[in-house]
Amino acid sequence: MQPVLTSTITCPQCGHRQTETMPTDACQFFYDCKGCGVVLRPKKGDCCVFCSYGDVPCPPVQAEGRACCGPAGARS
């Protein structure tokens, strides 16, 4: 099954929603909100901003079928 490559990030600060294309080979650690400019970082235990704030988890998580690809994006 092909992973979904887009996810809508919702900023916890201002509520702005933006649909973005996710990288397929890495986790994204930082995201600049297009609404208020705050820099989002993953929540503790999540590998990337898409897993923390997106409506679809990142492609590595989708492919591996587990909750997260590991701390700081490390994969086992």
Protein backbone atom coordinates (compact mmCIF):
# COMPACT_ATOMS: atom_id res chain seq x y z
CA MET A 1 0.00 0.00 0.00
CA GLN A 2 1.36 3.42 -0.98
CA PRO A 3 1.74 5.93 1.87
CA VAL A 4 -0.32 9.12 1.87
CA LEU A 5 2.11 11.94 1.09
CA THR A 6 0.12 14.95 2.26
CA SER A 7 -0.93 15.93 5.75
CA THR A 8 -2.77 18.95 7.10
CA ILE A 9 -0.86 20.50 10.00
CA THR A 10 -2.89 22.40 12.59
CA CYS A 11 -0.96 24.94 14.64
CA PRO A 12 -1.67 24.55 18.36
CA GLN A 13 -0.85 28.23 18.87
CA CYS A 14 -3.20 29.94 16.39
CA GLY A 15 -5.26 27.11 14.85
CA HIS A 16 -4.03 27.79 11.29
CA ARG A 17 -4.32 24.73 9.05
CA GLN A 18 -1.97 24.09 6.13
CA THR A 19 -1.72 21.04 3.89
CA GLU A 20 1.89 20.08 3.19
CA THR A 21 3.72 17.37 1.27
CA MET A 22 5.70 15.11 3.60
CA PRO A 23 9.22 13.87 2.91
CA THR A 24 9.30 10.15 2.18
CA ASP A 25 12.81 9.40 3.43
CA ALA A 26 13.13 11.43 6.64
CA CYS A 27 11.26 12.88 9.59
CA GLN A 28 10.64 16.64 9.66
CA PHE A 29 11.68 18.12 13.01
CA PHE A 30 10.72 21.78 12.48
CA TYR A 31 7.80 23.53 10.81
CA ASP A 32 7.15 27.27 10.54
CA CYS A 33 3.43 28.01 10.93
CA LYS A 34 2.19 30.03 7.96
CA GLY A 35 -0.39 31.71 10.22
CA CYS A 36 1.53 33.03 13.23
CA GLY A 37 5.16 32.15 12.47
CA VAL A 38 5.72 29.94 15.52
CA VAL A 39 8.22 27.13 14.96
CA LEU A 40 6.60 23.77 15.70
CA ARG A 41 8.68 20.90 17.01
CA PRO A 42 7.55 17.31 17.59
CA LYS A 43 5.85 16.50 20.88
CA LYS A 44 7.77 14.26 23.24
CA GLY A 45 7.62 10.69 21.94
CA ASP A 46 6.80 11.70 18.33
CA CYS A 47 9.35 11.57 15.55
CA CYS A 48 8.21 14.59 13.56
CA VAL A 49 5.79 17.51 13.29
CA PHE A 50 3.43 15.52 11.06
CA CYS A 51 3.00 12.85 13.75
CA SER A 52 2.39 15.56 16.36
CA TYR A 53 0.24 18.10 14.52
CA GLY A 54 -0.82 16.52 11.20
CA ASP A 55 -3.98 14.64 10.31
CA VAL A 56 -1.86 11.90 8.67
CA PRO A 57 1.35 10.49 10.23
CA CYS A 58 4.63 10.64 8.30
CA PRO A 59 5.39 8.06 5.57
CA PRO A 60 7.98 6.12 7.65
CA VAL A 61 5.36 5.59 10.38
CA GLN A 62 2.72 4.63 7.80
CA ALA A 63 5.10 2.09 6.19
CA GLU A 64 6.28 0.57 9.46
CA GLY A 65 2.80 0.37 10.95
CA ARG A 66 3.80 1.44 14.42
CA ALA A 67 3.07 4.45 16.60
CA CYS A 68 6.28 6.31 15.77
CA CYS A 69 9.58 5.71 14.02
CA GLY A 70 11.41 6.39 17.28
CA PRO A 71 12.92 9.18 19.30
CA ALA A 72 14.47 11.96 17.25
CA GLY A 73 13.61 10.17 14.02
CA ALA A 74 15.74 7.09 14.68
CA ARG A 75 14.42 3.92 13.14
CA SER A 76 15.20 0.45 14.42
